[in-house]
N, C-alpha and C. Protein backbone atom coordinates (compact mmCIF):
# COMPACT_ATOMS: atom_id res chain seq x y z
N MET A 1 -4.02 -15.52 108.83
CA MET A 1 -3.13 -15.58 109.71
C MET A 1 -1.78 -15.08 109.37
N LYS A 2 -0.80 -14.64 110.18
CA LYS A 2 0.42 -14.16 109.89
C LYS A 2 1.38 -15.17 109.84
N THR A 3 2.36 -15.16 108.67
CA THR A 3 3.24 -16.18 108.73
C THR A 3 4.74 -15.81 109.33
N SER A 4 5.11 -16.70 110.04
CA SER A 4 6.40 -16.24 110.69
C SER A 4 7.39 -17.64 110.40
N ALA A 5 8.77 -17.16 110.74
CA ALA A 5 9.99 -18.17 110.49
C ALA A 5 10.64 -18.36 111.96
N LEU A 6 11.07 -19.58 112.02
CA LEU A 6 11.91 -19.75 113.10
C LEU A 6 13.12 -20.74 112.82
N HIS A 7 14.29 -20.49 113.49
CA HIS A 7 15.46 -21.28 113.16
C HIS A 7 15.41 -21.88 114.48
N VAL A 8 15.71 -23.24 114.75
CA VAL A 8 15.52 -24.02 115.70
C VAL A 8 16.79 -24.90 115.99
N ARG A 9 17.58 -24.98 117.13
CA ARG A 9 18.52 -26.18 117.44
C ARG A 9 17.90 -26.95 118.41
N ILE A 10 17.88 -28.33 118.19
CA ILE A 10 17.43 -29.43 119.26
C ILE A 10 18.74 -29.97 119.66
N GLU A 11 18.90 -30.13 120.91
CA GLU A 11 20.01 -30.95 121.69
C GLU A 11 19.50 -31.96 122.37
N GLY A 12 20.34 -32.96 122.40
CA GLY A 12 20.06 -34.22 123.31
C GLY A 12 20.32 -35.44 122.38
N ARG A 13 19.64 -36.39 122.86
CA ARG A 13 19.88 -37.68 121.81
C ARG A 13 18.50 -37.52 120.94
N VAL A 14 19.24 -36.78 119.59
CA VAL A 14 18.15 -36.70 118.64
C VAL A 14 18.82 -36.95 117.21
N GLN A 15 19.75 -37.78 117.15
CA GLN A 15 20.41 -38.29 115.97
C GLN A 15 20.47 -39.74 116.17
N GLY A 16 19.89 -40.47 115.01
CA GLY A 16 20.29 -41.79 114.76
C GLY A 16 18.84 -42.35 115.51
N VAL A 17 18.04 -41.86 115.89
CA VAL A 17 16.79 -42.40 116.42
C VAL A 17 15.38 -41.95 115.62
N GLY A 18 15.25 -41.52 114.48
CA GLY A 18 14.32 -41.04 113.70
C GLY A 18 13.75 -39.76 113.91
N TYR A 19 14.38 -38.93 114.55
CA TYR A 19 13.92 -37.69 114.98
C TYR A 19 13.47 -36.80 113.74
N ARG A 20 14.46 -36.71 112.69
CA ARG A 20 14.47 -35.72 111.61
C ARG A 20 13.29 -36.40 110.70
N ASN A 21 13.14 -37.47 110.65
CA ASN A 21 12.00 -38.06 109.82
C ASN A 21 10.71 -37.90 110.19
N SER A 22 10.56 -38.07 111.76
CA SER A 22 9.35 -37.77 112.44
C SER A 22 9.03 -36.34 112.44
N LEU A 23 10.01 -35.48 112.63
CA LEU A 23 9.72 -34.21 112.72
C LEU A 23 9.43 -33.40 111.15
N LYS A 24 9.66 -34.26 110.13
CA LYS A 24 9.47 -33.69 109.04
C LYS A 24 8.09 -34.27 108.65
N ASP A 25 7.58 -35.29 108.95
CA ASP A 25 6.10 -35.87 109.06
C ASP A 25 5.32 -34.83 109.77
N MET A 26 5.76 -34.55 110.98
CA MET A 26 4.86 -33.65 111.63
C MET A 26 4.66 -32.24 111.15
N ALA A 27 5.85 -31.72 110.34
CA ALA A 27 5.86 -30.59 109.99
C ALA A 27 4.83 -30.44 108.84
N VAL A 28 4.85 -31.59 107.71
CA VAL A 28 3.81 -31.63 106.70
C VAL A 28 2.50 -31.96 107.09
N LYS A 29 2.14 -32.48 108.20
CA LYS A 29 0.89 -32.64 108.57
C LYS A 29 0.35 -31.26 109.15
N LEU A 30 1.36 -30.23 109.75
CA LEU A 30 0.97 -28.85 110.01
C LEU A 30 0.86 -27.86 109.06
N GLY A 31 1.33 -28.26 107.85
CA GLY A 31 1.55 -27.36 106.82
C GLY A 31 2.61 -26.43 106.79
N ILE A 32 3.73 -26.67 107.61
CA ILE A 32 4.92 -25.98 107.71
C ILE A 32 5.96 -26.52 106.69
N ARG A 33 6.61 -25.22 106.21
CA ARG A 33 7.52 -25.46 105.17
C ARG A 33 8.71 -25.33 105.73
N GLY A 34 10.07 -25.53 105.16
CA GLY A 34 11.09 -25.49 105.84
C GLY A 34 12.28 -26.62 105.65
N TRP A 35 13.06 -26.78 106.46
CA TRP A 35 13.99 -28.06 106.24
C TRP A 35 14.52 -28.44 107.59
N VAL A 36 14.96 -29.79 107.67
CA VAL A 36 15.74 -29.93 108.99
C VAL A 36 16.96 -30.82 108.65
N ARG A 37 18.06 -30.81 109.51
CA ARG A 37 19.27 -31.48 109.37
C ARG A 37 20.16 -31.83 110.44
N ASN A 38 20.71 -32.89 110.53
CA ASN A 38 21.69 -33.30 111.64
C ASN A 38 23.00 -32.28 111.38
N ARG A 39 23.34 -31.72 112.57
CA ARG A 39 24.60 -31.06 112.81
C ARG A 39 25.72 -31.74 113.18
N GLY A 40 26.93 -31.45 112.91
CA GLY A 40 28.03 -32.04 113.32
C GLY A 40 28.21 -32.31 114.83
N ASP A 41 27.61 -31.48 115.53
CA ASP A 41 27.72 -31.42 117.05
C ASP A 41 26.89 -32.20 117.81
N GLY A 42 26.03 -33.12 117.04
CA GLY A 42 25.22 -33.96 117.45
C GLY A 42 23.73 -33.64 117.82
N SER A 43 23.51 -32.21 117.45
CA SER A 43 22.14 -31.56 117.55
C SER A 43 21.49 -31.56 116.29
N VAL A 44 20.20 -31.17 116.34
CA VAL A 44 19.41 -31.39 114.84
C VAL A 44 19.04 -29.63 114.83
N GLU A 45 18.98 -29.14 113.61
CA GLU A 45 18.88 -27.73 113.17
C GLU A 45 17.77 -27.80 112.09
N VAL A 46 16.60 -26.83 112.54
CA VAL A 46 15.47 -26.92 111.62
C VAL A 46 15.28 -25.34 111.29
N HIS A 47 14.75 -25.00 110.15
CA HIS A 47 14.04 -23.76 109.79
C HIS A 47 12.70 -24.07 109.63
N MET A 48 11.88 -23.33 110.00
CA MET A 48 10.29 -23.77 109.95
C MET A 48 9.68 -22.43 109.57
N VAL A 49 8.96 -22.52 108.71
CA VAL A 49 7.90 -21.29 108.32
C VAL A 49 6.30 -21.73 108.03
N GLY A 50 5.71 -20.97 108.84
CA GLY A 50 4.04 -21.30 108.95
C GLY A 50 3.59 -20.21 109.64
N ASN A 51 2.24 -20.53 110.01
CA ASN A 51 1.51 -19.49 110.75
C ASN A 51 1.81 -19.75 112.23
N THR A 52 1.79 -18.81 113.12
CA THR A 52 2.24 -18.88 114.58
C THR A 52 1.91 -20.29 115.17
N GLU A 53 0.44 -20.53 114.96
CA GLU A 53 -0.20 -21.35 115.78
C GLU A 53 0.47 -22.93 115.54
N ALA A 54 0.70 -23.12 114.06
CA ALA A 54 1.31 -24.32 113.57
C ALA A 54 2.86 -24.36 114.05
N LEU A 55 3.33 -23.37 114.03
CA LEU A 55 4.96 -23.28 114.75
C LEU A 55 5.04 -23.56 116.17
N GLN A 56 3.95 -23.12 116.82
CA GLN A 56 3.78 -23.19 118.14
C GLN A 56 3.64 -24.97 118.54
N SER A 57 2.82 -25.51 117.77
CA SER A 57 2.65 -26.95 117.65
C SER A 57 3.68 -27.76 117.46
N LEU A 58 4.39 -27.25 116.34
CA LEU A 58 5.85 -28.06 115.95
C LEU A 58 6.73 -27.98 117.09
N LEU A 59 6.92 -26.88 117.62
CA LEU A 59 7.72 -26.66 118.97
C LEU A 59 7.50 -27.42 120.08
N ALA A 60 5.91 -27.76 120.32
CA ALA A 60 5.81 -28.31 121.44
C ALA A 60 6.11 -29.91 121.27
N TRP A 61 5.75 -30.34 119.92
CA TRP A 61 6.16 -31.92 119.54
C TRP A 61 7.72 -32.00 119.77
N CYS A 62 8.60 -30.99 119.34
CA CYS A 62 9.72 -31.07 119.10
C CYS A 62 10.59 -31.48 120.87
N GLN A 63 9.99 -31.27 121.75
CA GLN A 63 10.09 -31.28 122.94
C GLN A 63 10.38 -32.79 123.29
N ASN A 64 9.33 -33.53 122.64
CA ASN A 64 9.40 -34.98 122.91
C ASN A 64 9.99 -35.57 121.96
N GLY A 65 9.45 -35.38 120.55
CA GLY A 65 10.13 -35.79 119.32
C GLY A 65 9.64 -37.12 119.16
N SER A 66 10.55 -38.05 118.41
CA SER A 66 9.94 -39.39 118.03
C SER A 66 10.46 -40.48 119.58
N PRO A 67 9.82 -41.44 119.79
CA PRO A 67 10.00 -42.29 120.41
C PRO A 67 11.14 -42.49 121.22
N LEU A 68 12.20 -42.93 120.44
CA LEU A 68 13.21 -43.28 120.92
C LEU A 68 14.42 -41.72 121.34
N ALA A 69 13.92 -40.58 120.93
CA ALA A 69 14.60 -39.45 121.18
C ALA A 69 14.83 -39.20 122.52
N SER A 70 15.59 -38.18 123.08
CA SER A 70 15.83 -37.69 124.31
C SER A 70 16.11 -36.29 124.36
N VAL A 71 15.08 -35.26 124.40
CA VAL A 71 15.55 -34.01 124.03
C VAL A 71 15.80 -33.44 125.35
N SER A 72 17.08 -32.58 125.16
CA SER A 72 17.72 -32.01 126.54
C SER A 72 17.23 -30.39 126.48
N THR A 73 17.43 -29.72 125.26
CA THR A 73 17.36 -28.30 125.14
C THR A 73 16.92 -28.05 123.77
N ILE A 74 16.02 -27.20 123.69
CA ILE A 74 15.46 -26.32 122.35
C ILE A 74 15.79 -24.71 122.47
N HIS A 75 16.77 -24.31 121.40
CA HIS A 75 17.00 -23.00 121.39
C HIS A 75 16.28 -22.64 119.90
N ALA A 76 15.06 -21.80 120.10
CA ALA A 76 14.28 -21.18 119.02
C ALA A 76 14.58 -19.61 118.76
N THR A 77 14.88 -19.20 117.87
CA THR A 77 14.95 -17.76 117.34
C THR A 77 14.22 -17.39 116.16
N GLU A 78 13.32 -16.26 116.41
CA GLU A 78 12.27 -15.90 115.24
C GLU A 78 13.24 -15.21 114.28
N LEU A 79 12.98 -15.51 113.09
CA LEU A 79 13.82 -14.86 111.75
C LEU A 79 13.11 -13.84 111.63
N ASP A 80 14.01 -12.55 111.06
CA ASP A 80 13.36 -11.27 110.64
C ASP A 80 12.68 -11.59 109.38
N ASP A 81 13.73 -12.17 108.61
CA ASP A 81 13.00 -12.35 107.18
C ASP A 81 12.57 -13.52 106.80
N VAL A 82 11.17 -13.85 106.24
CA VAL A 82 10.57 -15.00 106.16
C VAL A 82 11.05 -15.70 104.75
N PRO A 83 11.75 -16.90 104.75
CA PRO A 83 12.08 -17.53 103.43
C PRO A 83 11.01 -17.82 102.91
N ASN A 84 11.09 -18.11 101.50
CA ASN A 84 10.09 -18.43 100.58
C ASN A 84 10.48 -20.27 100.21
N TYR A 85 10.04 -21.16 101.29
CA TYR A 85 10.30 -22.50 100.92
C TYR A 85 9.00 -23.06 100.40
N SER A 86 8.93 -24.13 99.47
CA SER A 86 7.70 -24.53 99.02
C SER A 86 7.26 -25.73 99.46
N ALA A 87 8.29 -26.26 100.42
CA ALA A 87 7.82 -27.82 101.00
C ALA A 87 8.48 -27.78 102.21
N PHE A 88 8.63 -28.93 103.19
CA PHE A 88 9.33 -29.34 103.99
C PHE A 88 10.39 -30.47 103.69
N SER A 89 11.84 -30.26 103.83
CA SER A 89 12.75 -30.89 103.14
C SER A 89 13.59 -31.29 104.22
N LEU A 90 14.34 -32.98 103.86
CA LEU A 90 15.30 -33.45 104.91
C LEU A 90 16.40 -33.41 104.21
N LEU A 91 17.37 -32.43 104.88
CA LEU A 91 18.61 -32.15 104.36
C LEU A 91 19.78 -33.09 104.98
N THR A 92 20.72 -33.47 104.05
CA THR A 92 21.75 -34.19 104.59
C THR A 92 22.80 -33.61 104.68
């Protein structure tokens, strides 16, 4: 399967509700590598690398996220260069 990379920004009530930890857990289950972090504007930013099917599954999960989250918008952009991440990390 082809490996792809996405840069994703998720807006809504996504900070302080366990969103990043839940996203990391789901990414690991799907075999996706990359990172997730909070942004100063209240959104969450993600770099994800994996096969297309796994990335689409994680994007679908992102729409609802953790139980206390309320996602309003997801911006996803495919990256031309695929980073060589070895794991999925929670950045601070």
